[in-house]
ModelCIF file with pLDDT and N, C-alpha, C, O atoms, coordinates in Angstrom:
data_MODEL
#
_entry.id   MODEL 
#
_entity.id                         1 
_entity.type                       polymer 
_entity.pdbx_number_of_molecules   1 
#
_entity_poly.entity_id                      1 
_entity_poly.type                           'polypeptide(L)' 
_entity_poly.nstd_linkage                   no 
_entity_poly.nstd_monomer                   no 
_entity_poly.pdbx_seq_one_letter_code       TGAFFASIFLAPFIVNTFANGQGIKPIQIFVTMIQL 
_entity_poly.pdbx_seq_one_letter_code_can   TGAFFASIFLAPFIVNTFANGQGIKPIQIFVTMIQL 
_entity_poly.pdbx_strand_id                 A 
#
loop_
_entity_poly_seq.entity_id 
_entity_poly_seq.num 
_entity_poly_seq.mon_id 
_entity_poly_seq.hetero 
1 1  THR n 
1 2  GLY n 
1 3  ALA n 
1 4  PHE n 
1 5  PHE n 
1 6  ALA n 
1 7  SER n 
1 8  ILE n 
1 9  PHE n 
1 10 LEU n 
1 11 ALA n 
1 12 PRO n 
1 13 PHE n 
1 14 ILE n 
1 15 VAL n 
1 16 ASN n 
1 17 THR n 
1 18 PHE n 
1 19 ALA n 
1 20 ASN n 
1 21 GLY n 
1 22 GLN n 
1 23 GLY n 
1 24 ILE n 
1 25 LYS n 
1 26 PRO n 
1 27 ILE n 
1 28 GLN n 
1 29 ILE n 
1 30 PHE n 
1 31 VAL n 
1 32 THR n 
1 33 MET n 
1 34 ILE n 
1 35 GLN n 
1 36 LEU n 
#
_struct_asym.id          A 
_struct_asym.entity_id   1 
#
loop_
_ma_qa_metric.id 
_ma_qa_metric.mode 
_ma_qa_metric.name 
_ma_qa_metric.software_group_id 
_ma_qa_metric.type 
1 global pLDDT . pLDDT 
2 local  pLDDT . pLDDT 
#
_ma_qa_metric_global.metric_id      1 
_ma_qa_metric_global.metric_value   84.06 
_ma_qa_metric_global.model_id       1 
_ma_qa_metric_global.ordinal_id     1 
#
loop_
_ma_qa_metric_local.label_asym_id 
_ma_qa_metric_local.label_comp_id 
_ma_qa_metric_local.label_seq_id 
_ma_qa_metric_local.metric_id 
_ma_qa_metric_local.metric_value 
_ma_qa_metric_local.model_id 
_ma_qa_metric_local.ordinal_id 
A THR 1  2 91.00 1 1  
A GLY 2  2 92.00 1 2  
A ALA 3  2 93.00 1 3  
A PHE 4  2 92.00 1 4  
A PHE 5  2 90.00 1 5  
A ALA 6  2 92.00 1 6  
A SER 7  2 92.00 1 7  
A ILE 8  2 90.00 1 8  
A PHE 9  2 90.00 1 9  
A LEU 10 2 92.00 1 10 
A ALA 11 2 91.00 1 11 
A PRO 12 2 90.00 1 12 
A PHE 13 2 91.00 1 13 
A ILE 14 2 92.00 1 14 
A VAL 15 2 91.00 1 15 
A ASN 16 2 88.00 1 16 
A THR 17 2 89.00 1 17 
A PHE 18 2 90.00 1 18 
A ALA 19 2 83.00 1 19 
A ASN 20 2 72.00 1 20 
A GLY 21 2 58.00 1 21 
A GLN 22 2 64.00 1 22 
A GLY 23 2 60.00 1 23 
A ILE 24 2 68.00 1 24 
A LYS 25 2 72.00 1 25 
A PRO 26 2 72.00 1 26 
A ILE 27 2 78.00 1 27 
A GLN 28 2 79.00 1 28 
A ILE 29 2 82.00 1 29 
A PHE 30 2 84.00 1 30 
A VAL 31 2 85.00 1 31 
A THR 32 2 85.00 1 32 
A MET 33 2 86.00 1 33 
A ILE 34 2 88.00 1 34 
A GLN 35 2 88.00 1 35 
A LEU 36 2 86.00 1 36 
#
loop_
_atom_site.group_PDB 
_atom_site.id 
_atom_site.type_symbol 
_atom_site.label_atom_id 
_atom_site.label_alt_id 
_atom_site.label_comp_id 
_atom_site.label_asym_id 
_atom_site.label_entity_id 
_atom_site.label_seq_id 
_atom_site.pdbx_PDB_ins_code 
_atom_site.Cartn_x 
_atom_site.Cartn_y 
_atom_site.Cartn_z 
_atom_site.occupancy 
_atom_site.B_iso_or_equiv 
_atom_site.pdbx_formal_charge 
_atom_site.auth_seq_id 
_atom_site.auth_comp_id 
_atom_site.auth_asym_id 
_atom_site.auth_atom_id 
_atom_site.pdbx_PDB_model_num 
ATOM 1   N N  . THR A 1 1  ? 105.171 23.835 6.180  1.00 91.00 ? 1  THR A N  1 
ATOM 2   C CA . THR A 1 1  ? 105.844 23.839 4.869  1.00 91.00 ? 1  THR A CA 1 
ATOM 3   C C  . THR A 1 1  ? 107.130 24.660 4.925  1.00 91.00 ? 1  THR A C  1 
ATOM 4   O O  . THR A 1 1  ? 108.161 24.241 4.399  1.00 91.00 ? 1  THR A O  1 
ATOM 5   N N  . GLY A 1 2  ? 107.067 25.828 5.563  1.00 92.00 ? 2  GLY A N  1 
ATOM 6   C CA . GLY A 1 2  ? 108.261 26.664 5.713  1.00 92.00 ? 2  GLY A CA 1 
ATOM 7   C C  . GLY A 1 2  ? 109.373 25.945 6.451  1.00 92.00 ? 2  GLY A C  1 
ATOM 8   O O  . GLY A 1 2  ? 110.534 25.991 6.043  1.00 92.00 ? 2  GLY A O  1 
ATOM 9   N N  . ALA A 1 3  ? 109.010 25.277 7.545  1.00 93.00 ? 3  ALA A N  1 
ATOM 10  C CA . ALA A 1 3  ? 110.014 24.551 8.331  1.00 93.00 ? 3  ALA A CA 1 
ATOM 11  C C  . ALA A 1 3  ? 110.586 23.368 7.547  1.00 93.00 ? 3  ALA A C  1 
ATOM 12  O O  . ALA A 1 3  ? 111.766 23.044 7.681  1.00 93.00 ? 3  ALA A O  1 
ATOM 13  N N  . PHE A 1 4  ? 109.750 22.728 6.732  1.00 92.00 ? 4  PHE A N  1 
ATOM 14  C CA . PHE A 1 4  ? 110.231 21.616 5.904  1.00 92.00 ? 4  PHE A CA 1 
ATOM 15  C C  . PHE A 1 4  ? 111.257 22.095 4.881  1.00 92.00 ? 4  PHE A C  1 
ATOM 16  O O  . PHE A 1 4  ? 112.316 21.488 4.723  1.00 92.00 ? 4  PHE A O  1 
ATOM 17  N N  . PHE A 1 5  ? 110.939 23.182 4.193  1.00 90.00 ? 5  PHE A N  1 
ATOM 18  C CA . PHE A 1 5  ? 111.891 23.720 3.226  1.00 90.00 ? 5  PHE A CA 1 
ATOM 19  C C  . PHE A 1 5  ? 113.195 24.136 3.915  1.00 90.00 ? 5  PHE A C  1 
ATOM 20  O O  . PHE A 1 5  ? 114.283 23.890 3.395  1.00 90.00 ? 5  PHE A O  1 
ATOM 21  N N  . ALA A 1 6  ? 113.077 24.762 5.077  1.00 92.00 ? 6  ALA A N  1 
ATOM 22  C CA . ALA A 1 6  ? 114.262 25.208 5.817  1.00 92.00 ? 6  ALA A CA 1 
ATOM 23  C C  . ALA A 1 6  ? 115.104 24.020 6.280  1.00 92.00 ? 6  ALA A C  1 
ATOM 24  O O  . ALA A 1 6  ? 116.327 24.125 6.381  1.00 92.00 ? 6  ALA A O  1 
ATOM 25  N N  . SER A 1 7  ? 114.449 22.883 6.561  1.00 92.00 ? 7  SER A N  1 
ATOM 26  C CA . SER A 1 7  ? 115.174 21.711 7.064  1.00 92.00 ? 7  SER A CA 1 
ATOM 27  C C  . SER A 1 7  ? 116.225 21.213 6.080  1.00 92.00 ? 7  SER A C  1 
ATOM 28  O O  . SER A 1 7  ? 117.229 20.627 6.485  1.00 92.00 ? 7  SER A O  1 
ATOM 29  N N  . ILE A 1 8  ? 115.999 21.442 4.798  1.00 90.00 ? 8  ILE A N  1 
ATOM 30  C CA . ILE A 1 8  ? 116.946 20.980 3.777  1.00 90.00 ? 8  ILE A CA 1 
ATOM 31  C C  . ILE A 1 8  ? 118.326 21.590 4.008  1.00 90.00 ? 8  ILE A C  1 
ATOM 32  O O  . ILE A 1 8  ? 119.350 20.957 3.753  1.00 90.00 ? 8  ILE A O  1 
ATOM 33  N N  . PHE A 1 9  ? 118.335 22.833 4.495  1.00 90.00 ? 9  PHE A N  1 
ATOM 34  C CA . PHE A 1 9  ? 119.603 23.535 4.729  1.00 90.00 ? 9  PHE A CA 1 
ATOM 35  C C  . PHE A 1 9  ? 119.982 23.571 6.210  1.00 90.00 ? 9  PHE A C  1 
ATOM 36  O O  . PHE A 1 9  ? 121.162 23.519 6.558  1.00 90.00 ? 9  PHE A O  1 
ATOM 37  N N  . LEU A 1 10 ? 118.968 23.662 7.079  1.00 92.00 ? 10 LEU A N  1 
ATOM 38  C CA . LEU A 1 10 ? 119.252 23.768 8.507  1.00 92.00 ? 10 LEU A CA 1 
ATOM 39  C C  . LEU A 1 10 ? 119.726 22.453 9.109  1.00 92.00 ? 10 LEU A C  1 
ATOM 40  O O  . LEU A 1 10 ? 120.590 22.454 9.986  1.00 92.00 ? 10 LEU A O  1 
ATOM 41  N N  . ALA A 1 11 ? 119.173 21.329 8.651  1.00 91.00 ? 11 ALA A N  1 
ATOM 42  C CA . ALA A 1 11 ? 119.569 20.035 9.210  1.00 91.00 ? 11 ALA A CA 1 
ATOM 43  C C  . ALA A 1 11 ? 121.067 19.762 9.051  1.00 91.00 ? 11 ALA A C  1 
ATOM 44  O O  . ALA A 1 11 ? 121.723 19.417 10.034 1.00 91.00 ? 11 ALA A O  1 
ATOM 45  N N  . PRO A 1 12 ? 121.631 19.904 7.841  1.00 90.00 ? 12 PRO A N  1 
ATOM 46  C CA . PRO A 1 12 ? 123.086 19.717 7.717  1.00 90.00 ? 12 PRO A CA 1 
ATOM 47  C C  . PRO A 1 12 ? 123.877 20.696 8.584  1.00 90.00 ? 12 PRO A C  1 
ATOM 48  O O  . PRO A 1 12 ? 124.884 20.323 9.185  1.00 90.00 ? 12 PRO A O  1 
ATOM 49  N N  . PHE A 1 13 ? 123.420 21.952 8.648  1.00 91.00 ? 13 PHE A N  1 
ATOM 50  C CA . PHE A 1 13 ? 124.119 22.964 9.447  1.00 91.00 ? 13 PHE A CA 1 
ATOM 51  C C  . PHE A 1 13 ? 124.096 22.609 10.935 1.00 91.00 ? 13 PHE A C  1 
ATOM 52  O O  . PHE A 1 13 ? 125.125 22.704 11.603 1.00 91.00 ? 13 PHE A O  1 
ATOM 53  N N  . ILE A 1 14 ? 122.945 22.205 11.460 1.00 92.00 ? 14 ILE A N  1 
ATOM 54  C CA . ILE A 1 14 ? 122.808 21.890 12.886 1.00 92.00 ? 14 ILE A CA 1 
ATOM 55  C C  . ILE A 1 14 ? 123.651 20.680 13.251 1.00 92.00 ? 14 ILE A C  1 
ATOM 56  O O  . ILE A 1 14 ? 124.391 20.705 14.235 1.00 92.00 ? 14 ILE A O  1 
ATOM 57  N N  . VAL A 1 15 ? 123.538 19.617 12.456 1.00 91.00 ? 15 VAL A N  1 
ATOM 58  C CA . VAL A 1 15 ? 124.301 18.397 12.763 1.00 91.00 ? 15 VAL A CA 1 
ATOM 59  C C  . VAL A 1 15 ? 125.794 18.658 12.661 1.00 91.00 ? 15 VAL A C  1 
ATOM 60  O O  . VAL A 1 15 ? 126.560 18.211 13.515 1.00 91.00 ? 15 VAL A O  1 
ATOM 61  N N  . ASN A 1 16 ? 126.210 19.364 11.647 1.00 88.00 ? 16 ASN A N  1 
ATOM 62  C CA . ASN A 1 16 ? 127.636 19.654 11.472 1.00 88.00 ? 16 ASN A CA 1 
ATOM 63  C C  . ASN A 1 16 ? 128.166 20.547 12.596 1.00 88.00 ? 16 ASN A C  1 
ATOM 64  O O  . ASN A 1 16 ? 129.309 20.387 13.024 1.00 88.00 ? 16 ASN A O  1 
ATOM 65  N N  . THR A 1 17 ? 127.344 21.484 13.074 1.00 89.00 ? 17 THR A N  1 
ATOM 66  C CA . THR A 1 17 ? 127.771 22.412 14.125 1.00 89.00 ? 17 THR A CA 1 
ATOM 67  C C  . THR A 1 17 ? 127.911 21.719 15.471 1.00 89.00 ? 17 THR A C  1 
ATOM 68  O O  . THR A 1 17 ? 128.887 21.941 16.187 1.00 89.00 ? 17 THR A O  1 
ATOM 69  N N  . PHE A 1 18 ? 126.934 20.874 15.822 1.00 90.00 ? 18 PHE A N  1 
ATOM 70  C CA . PHE A 1 18 ? 126.914 20.290 17.168 1.00 90.00 ? 18 PHE A CA 1 
ATOM 71  C C  . PHE A 1 18 ? 127.468 18.871 17.230 1.00 90.00 ? 18 PHE A C  1 
ATOM 72  O O  . PHE A 1 18 ? 127.612 18.315 18.318 1.00 90.00 ? 18 PHE A O  1 
ATOM 73  N N  . ALA A 1 19 ? 127.780 18.283 16.086 1.00 83.00 ? 19 ALA A N  1 
ATOM 74  C CA . ALA A 1 19 ? 128.407 16.960 16.087 1.00 83.00 ? 19 ALA A CA 1 
ATOM 75  C C  . ALA A 1 19 ? 129.684 17.004 15.256 1.00 83.00 ? 19 ALA A C  1 
ATOM 76  O O  . ALA A 1 19 ? 130.065 16.015 14.630 1.00 83.00 ? 19 ALA A O  1 
ATOM 77  N N  . ASN A 1 20 ? 130.333 18.149 15.258 1.00 72.00 ? 20 ASN A N  1 
ATOM 78  C CA . ASN A 1 20 ? 131.554 18.346 14.472 1.00 72.00 ? 20 ASN A CA 1 
ATOM 79  C C  . ASN A 1 20 ? 132.639 17.370 14.918 1.00 72.00 ? 20 ASN A C  1 
ATOM 80  O O  . ASN A 1 20 ? 132.808 17.119 16.111 1.00 72.00 ? 20 ASN A O  1 
ATOM 81  N N  . GLY A 1 21 ? 133.363 16.831 13.960 1.00 58.00 ? 21 GLY A N  1 
ATOM 82  C CA . GLY A 1 21 ? 134.452 15.922 14.309 1.00 58.00 ? 21 GLY A CA 1 
ATOM 83  C C  . GLY A 1 21 ? 134.037 14.464 14.355 1.00 58.00 ? 21 GLY A C  1 
ATOM 84  O O  . GLY A 1 21 ? 134.850 13.601 14.688 1.00 58.00 ? 21 GLY A O  1 
ATOM 85  N N  . GLN A 1 22 ? 132.765 14.170 14.020 1.00 64.00 ? 22 GLN A N  1 
ATOM 86  C CA . GLN A 1 22 ? 132.293 12.787 14.068 1.00 64.00 ? 22 GLN A CA 1 
ATOM 87  C C  . GLN A 1 22 ? 132.359 12.096 12.706 1.00 64.00 ? 22 GLN A C  1 
ATOM 88  O O  . GLN A 1 22 ? 131.819 11.005 12.523 1.00 64.00 ? 22 GLN A O  1 
ATOM 89  N N  . GLY A 1 23 ? 133.024 12.741 11.763 1.00 60.00 ? 23 GLY A N  1 
ATOM 90  C CA . GLY A 1 23 ? 133.160 12.141 10.445 1.00 60.00 ? 23 GLY A CA 1 
ATOM 91  C C  . GLY A 1 23 ? 131.910 12.250 9.593  1.00 60.00 ? 23 GLY A C  1 
ATOM 92  O O  . GLY A 1 23 ? 131.799 11.611 8.547  1.00 60.00 ? 23 GLY A O  1 
ATOM 93  N N  . ILE A 1 24 ? 130.961 13.073 10.056 1.00 68.00 ? 24 ILE A N  1 
ATOM 94  C CA . ILE A 1 24 ? 129.728 13.269 9.301  1.00 68.00 ? 24 ILE A CA 1 
ATOM 95  C C  . ILE A 1 24 ? 129.900 14.460 8.370  1.00 68.00 ? 24 ILE A C  1 
ATOM 96  O O  . ILE A 1 24 ? 130.167 15.571 8.827  1.00 68.00 ? 24 ILE A O  1 
ATOM 97  N N  . LYS A 1 25 ? 129.753 14.242 7.096  1.00 72.00 ? 25 LYS A N  1 
ATOM 98  C CA . LYS A 1 25 ? 129.897 15.315 6.120  1.00 72.00 ? 25 LYS A CA 1 
ATOM 99  C C  . LYS A 1 25 ? 128.533 15.951 5.851  1.00 72.00 ? 25 LYS A C  1 
ATOM 100 O O  . LYS A 1 25 ? 127.534 15.243 5.723  1.00 72.00 ? 25 LYS A O  1 
ATOM 101 N N  . PRO A 1 26 ? 128.486 17.286 5.763  1.00 72.00 ? 26 PRO A N  1 
ATOM 102 C CA . PRO A 1 26 ? 127.213 17.960 5.484  1.00 72.00 ? 26 PRO A CA 1 
ATOM 103 C C  . PRO A 1 26 ? 126.507 17.420 4.245  1.00 72.00 ? 26 PRO A C  1 
ATOM 104 O O  . PRO A 1 26 ? 125.278 17.380 4.191  1.00 72.00 ? 26 PRO A O  1 
ATOM 105 N N  . ILE A 1 27 ? 127.294 17.004 3.245  1.00 78.00 ? 27 ILE A N  1 
ATOM 106 C CA . ILE A 1 27 ? 126.690 16.506 2.014  1.00 78.00 ? 27 ILE A CA 1 
ATOM 107 C C  . ILE A 1 27 ? 125.893 15.231 2.265  1.00 78.00 ? 27 ILE A C  1 
ATOM 108 O O  . ILE A 1 27 ? 124.902 14.974 1.582  1.00 78.00 ? 27 ILE A O  1 
ATOM 109 N N  . GLN A 1 28 ? 126.329 14.411 3.264  1.00 79.00 ? 28 GLN A N  1 
ATOM 110 C CA . GLN A 1 28 ? 125.590 13.198 3.602  1.00 79.00 ? 28 GLN A CA 1 
ATOM 111 C C  . GLN A 1 28 ? 124.185 13.544 4.072  1.00 79.00 ? 28 GLN A C  1 
ATOM 112 O O  . GLN A 1 28 ? 123.199 12.930 3.663  1.00 79.00 ? 28 GLN A O  1 
ATOM 113 N N  . ILE A 1 29 ? 124.125 14.546 4.942  1.00 82.00 ? 29 ILE A N  1 
ATOM 114 C CA . ILE A 1 29 ? 122.824 14.946 5.495  1.00 82.00 ? 29 ILE A CA 1 
ATOM 115 C C  . ILE A 1 29 ? 121.990 15.629 4.421  1.00 82.00 ? 29 ILE A C  1 
ATOM 116 O O  . ILE A 1 29 ? 120.773 15.450 4.364  1.00 82.00 ? 29 ILE A O  1 
ATOM 117 N N  . PHE A 1 30 ? 122.645 16.408 3.576  1.00 84.00 ? 30 PHE A N  1 
ATOM 118 C CA . PHE A 1 30 ? 121.923 17.091 2.504  1.00 84.00 ? 30 PHE A CA 1 
ATOM 119 C C  . PHE A 1 30 ? 121.267 16.080 1.566  1.00 84.00 ? 30 PHE A C  1 
ATOM 120 O O  . PHE A 1 30 ? 120.121 16.260 1.156  1.00 84.00 ? 30 PHE A O  1 
ATOM 121 N N  . VAL A 1 31 ? 122.000 15.014 1.228  1.00 85.00 ? 31 VAL A N  1 
ATOM 122 C CA . VAL A 1 31 ? 121.452 13.959 0.368  1.00 85.00 ? 31 VAL A CA 1 
ATOM 123 C C  . VAL A 1 31 ? 120.260 13.293 1.062  1.00 85.00 ? 31 VAL A C  1 
ATOM 124 O O  . VAL A 1 31 ? 119.249 12.998 0.425  1.00 85.00 ? 31 VAL A O  1 
ATOM 125 N N  . THR A 1 32 ? 120.390 13.059 2.371  1.00 85.00 ? 32 THR A N  1 
ATOM 126 C CA . THR A 1 32 ? 119.287 12.474 3.140  1.00 85.00 ? 32 THR A CA 1 
ATOM 127 C C  . THR A 1 32 ? 118.052 13.368 3.080  1.00 85.00 ? 32 THR A C  1 
ATOM 128 O O  . THR A 1 32 ? 116.931 12.879 2.942  1.00 85.00 ? 32 THR A O  1 
ATOM 129 N N  . MET A 1 33 ? 118.262 14.688 3.184  1.00 86.00 ? 33 MET A N  1 
ATOM 130 C CA . MET A 1 33 ? 117.143 15.629 3.126  1.00 86.00 ? 33 MET A CA 1 
ATOM 131 C C  . MET A 1 33 ? 116.473 15.598 1.754  1.00 86.00 ? 33 MET A C  1 
ATOM 132 O O  . MET A 1 33 ? 115.252 15.717 1.653  1.00 86.00 ? 33 MET A O  1 
ATOM 133 N N  . ILE A 1 34 ? 117.269 15.439 0.706  1.00 88.00 ? 34 ILE A N  1 
ATOM 134 C CA . ILE A 1 34 ? 116.699 15.332 -0.641 1.00 88.00 ? 34 ILE A CA 1 
ATOM 135 C C  . ILE A 1 34 ? 115.832 14.074 -0.732 1.00 88.00 ? 34 ILE A C  1 
ATOM 136 O O  . ILE A 1 34 ? 114.721 14.105 -1.261 1.00 88.00 ? 34 ILE A O  1 
ATOM 137 N N  . GLN A 1 35 ? 116.366 12.964 -0.204 1.00 88.00 ? 35 GLN A N  1 
ATOM 138 C CA . GLN A 1 35 ? 115.662 11.686 -0.274 1.00 88.00 ? 35 GLN A CA 1 
ATOM 139 C C  . GLN A 1 35 ? 114.374 11.681 0.548  1.00 88.00 ? 35 GLN A C  1 
ATOM 140 O O  . GLN A 1 35 ? 113.364 11.116 0.128  1.00 88.00 ? 35 GLN A O  1 
ATOM 141 N N  . LEU A 1 36 ? 114.416 12.310 1.713  1.00 86.00 ? 36 LEU A N  1 
ATOM 142 C CA . LEU A 1 36 ? 113.313 12.180 2.655  1.00 86.00 ? 36 LEU A CA 1 
ATOM 143 C C  . LEU A 1 36 ? 112.443 13.422 2.792  1.00 86.00 ? 36 LEU A C  1 
ATOM 144 O O  . LEU A 1 36 ? 111.482 13.421 3.562  1.00 86.00 ? 36 LEU A O  1 
#
């Protein structure tokens, strides 16, 4: 449960940090985390 809650914020941060410059906006991933 802790890791799931953290994923809402960590997933956008991780993808944005290691895939920077790929046109992926953190808000896109954040919306995905809300949905899923």
